[in-house]
Protein backbone atom coordinates (compact mmCIF):
# COMPACT_ATOMS: atom_id res chain seq x y z
CA MET A 1 33.01 -0.61 74.51
CA ALA A 2 35.03 -0.89 77.77
CA LEU A 3 37.70 1.54 78.79
CA VAL A 4 41.43 0.55 78.56
CA LYS A 5 42.31 -0.24 82.18
CA LYS A 6 45.84 1.03 81.84
CA GLY A 7 45.91 4.66 82.80
CA SER A 8 42.42 4.76 84.18
CA ARG A 9 41.68 5.99 87.66
CA ARG A 10 39.01 4.81 90.08
CA ILE A 11 36.59 7.20 91.76
CA THR A 12 33.67 6.41 94.01
CA VAL A 13 30.62 8.70 93.72
CA ASP A 14 27.62 8.32 96.11
CA GLY A 15 28.71 4.72 96.98
CA THR A 16 29.33 3.45 93.32
CA THR A 17 32.75 2.94 91.92
CA TYR A 18 33.65 4.10 88.42
CA ARG A 19 36.75 4.25 86.41
CA TRP A 20 37.66 7.23 84.30
CA ARG A 21 40.31 8.08 81.82
CA LEU A 22 41.53 10.81 79.51
CA ARG A 23 43.33 10.35 76.45
CA GLY A 24 47.09 10.75 76.93
CA ARG A 25 47.83 12.17 73.59
CA PRO A 26 45.57 14.75 72.02
CA THR A 27 43.55 14.09 68.87
CA TYR A 28 44.65 16.32 65.91
CA ASP A 29 42.03 18.97 66.66
CA GLN A 30 42.80 18.84 70.40
CA GLY A 31 46.45 19.31 69.55
CA LEU A 32 45.67 22.35 67.40
CA VAL A 33 43.28 23.62 70.25
CA ARG A 34 40.38 23.46 67.83
CA SER A 35 38.34 21.11 70.04
CA PRO A 36 38.16 20.75 73.83
CA LEU A 37 39.47 17.91 76.10
CA ALA A 38 37.17 15.02 76.69
CA TYR A 39 37.35 12.02 78.97
CA ALA A 40 35.38 8.76 79.38
CA VAL A 41 33.77 7.10 82.56
CA GLU A 42 32.33 3.73 83.10
CA HIS A 43 31.06 1.56 85.90
CA ALA A 44 34.04 -0.25 87.45
CA LYS A 45 32.29 -3.65 88.07
CA THR A 46 29.82 -3.89 85.19
CA PRO A 47 30.82 -1.59 82.37
CA GLY A 48 27.90 -0.99 80.07
CA THR A 49 27.33 2.52 78.68
CA THR A 50 30.38 4.67 78.61
CA LEU A 51 30.01 8.37 79.57
CA VAL A 52 31.92 10.69 77.38
CA VAL A 53 32.44 14.16 78.89
CA THR A 54 33.55 17.05 76.86
CA THR A 55 35.03 19.76 78.85
CA ASN A 56 35.60 23.57 78.32
CA GLN A 57 39.36 23.17 78.55
CA PRO A 58 42.15 22.55 76.04
CA HIS A 59 43.84 19.26 76.18
CA PRO A 60 46.96 19.62 78.53
CA SER A 61 49.42 18.38 75.91
CA ASN A 62 48.24 20.56 72.99
CA TRP A 63 50.92 21.55 70.61
CA PHE A 64 50.69 25.41 71.21
CA GLY A 65 51.29 25.20 75.02
CA THR A 66 47.90 26.73 75.63
CA GLN A 67 47.49 26.64 79.50
CA ALA A 68 44.89 23.95 80.59
CA ASP A 69 43.42 23.22 84.08
CA ALA A 70 43.83 19.75 85.37
CA VAL A 71 40.75 17.50 85.49
CA LEU A 72 40.31 16.92 89.16
CA PRO A 73 38.33 13.99 90.71
CA SER A 74 35.86 16.57 91.97
CA ASP A 75 35.10 17.67 88.33
CA VAL A 76 34.67 13.97 87.39
CA ALA A 77 32.32 13.34 90.31
CA ASP A 78 30.28 16.41 89.38
CA SER A 79 29.96 15.13 85.76
CA ILE A 80 28.94 11.77 87.01
CA ARG A 81 26.09 13.28 89.10
CA THR A 82 25.02 15.47 86.19
CA ALA A 83 24.93 12.50 83.84
CA ARG A 84 23.09 10.28 86.13
CA ALA A 85 20.48 13.00 86.70
CA ASP A 86 20.21 13.35 82.95
CA GLY A 87 19.49 9.56 82.53
CA TRP A 88 22.94 7.94 82.15
CA ALA A 89 22.60 4.33 83.12
CA PRO A 90 26.21 2.95 83.40
CA GLU A 91 25.20 -0.63 83.87
CA ARG A 92 23.12 -0.95 80.76
CA SER A 93 24.58 -1.68 77.29
CA ARG A 94 23.89 1.10 74.96
CA SER A 95 25.70 3.55 72.75
CA PRO A 96 27.92 6.15 74.59
CA PHE A 97 26.14 8.83 76.67
CA HIS A 98 27.63 12.28 75.77
CA LEU A 99 27.81 15.07 78.34
CA ASP A 100 28.70 18.32 76.73
CA GLN A 101 30.16 20.74 79.09
CA SER A 102 32.12 22.77 76.44
CA GLU A 103 30.26 26.02 77.01
CA GLY A 104 32.98 28.67 77.05
CA PHE A 105 35.69 26.70 75.29
CA VAL A 106 37.53 29.18 73.09
CA SER A 107 39.60 27.81 70.18
CA SER A 108 43.00 29.64 70.17
CA HIS A 109 43.79 29.01 66.51
């Protein structure tokens, strides 16, 4: 499934262009800081398998005002490189590839 273009950002990693996007509104569990922020990445020209990255940070729009660090392009680039090394093939159509980087996430409620 392709990412919604509205709100997505382009990033070039090792000569390949991708689009990435995080959900503007938190899910219910993200709002309650029960689950961490996640974002999605896909190949910009030939979207196939979507990469879903689960971070160790709360969603910045959580309902308790828990402090969250911004997702930086350098973080996204590192995640893309890690996923590629772990076998993510963004041009091939498959089910989403999950990269769990949530170690250290602490639910505040």
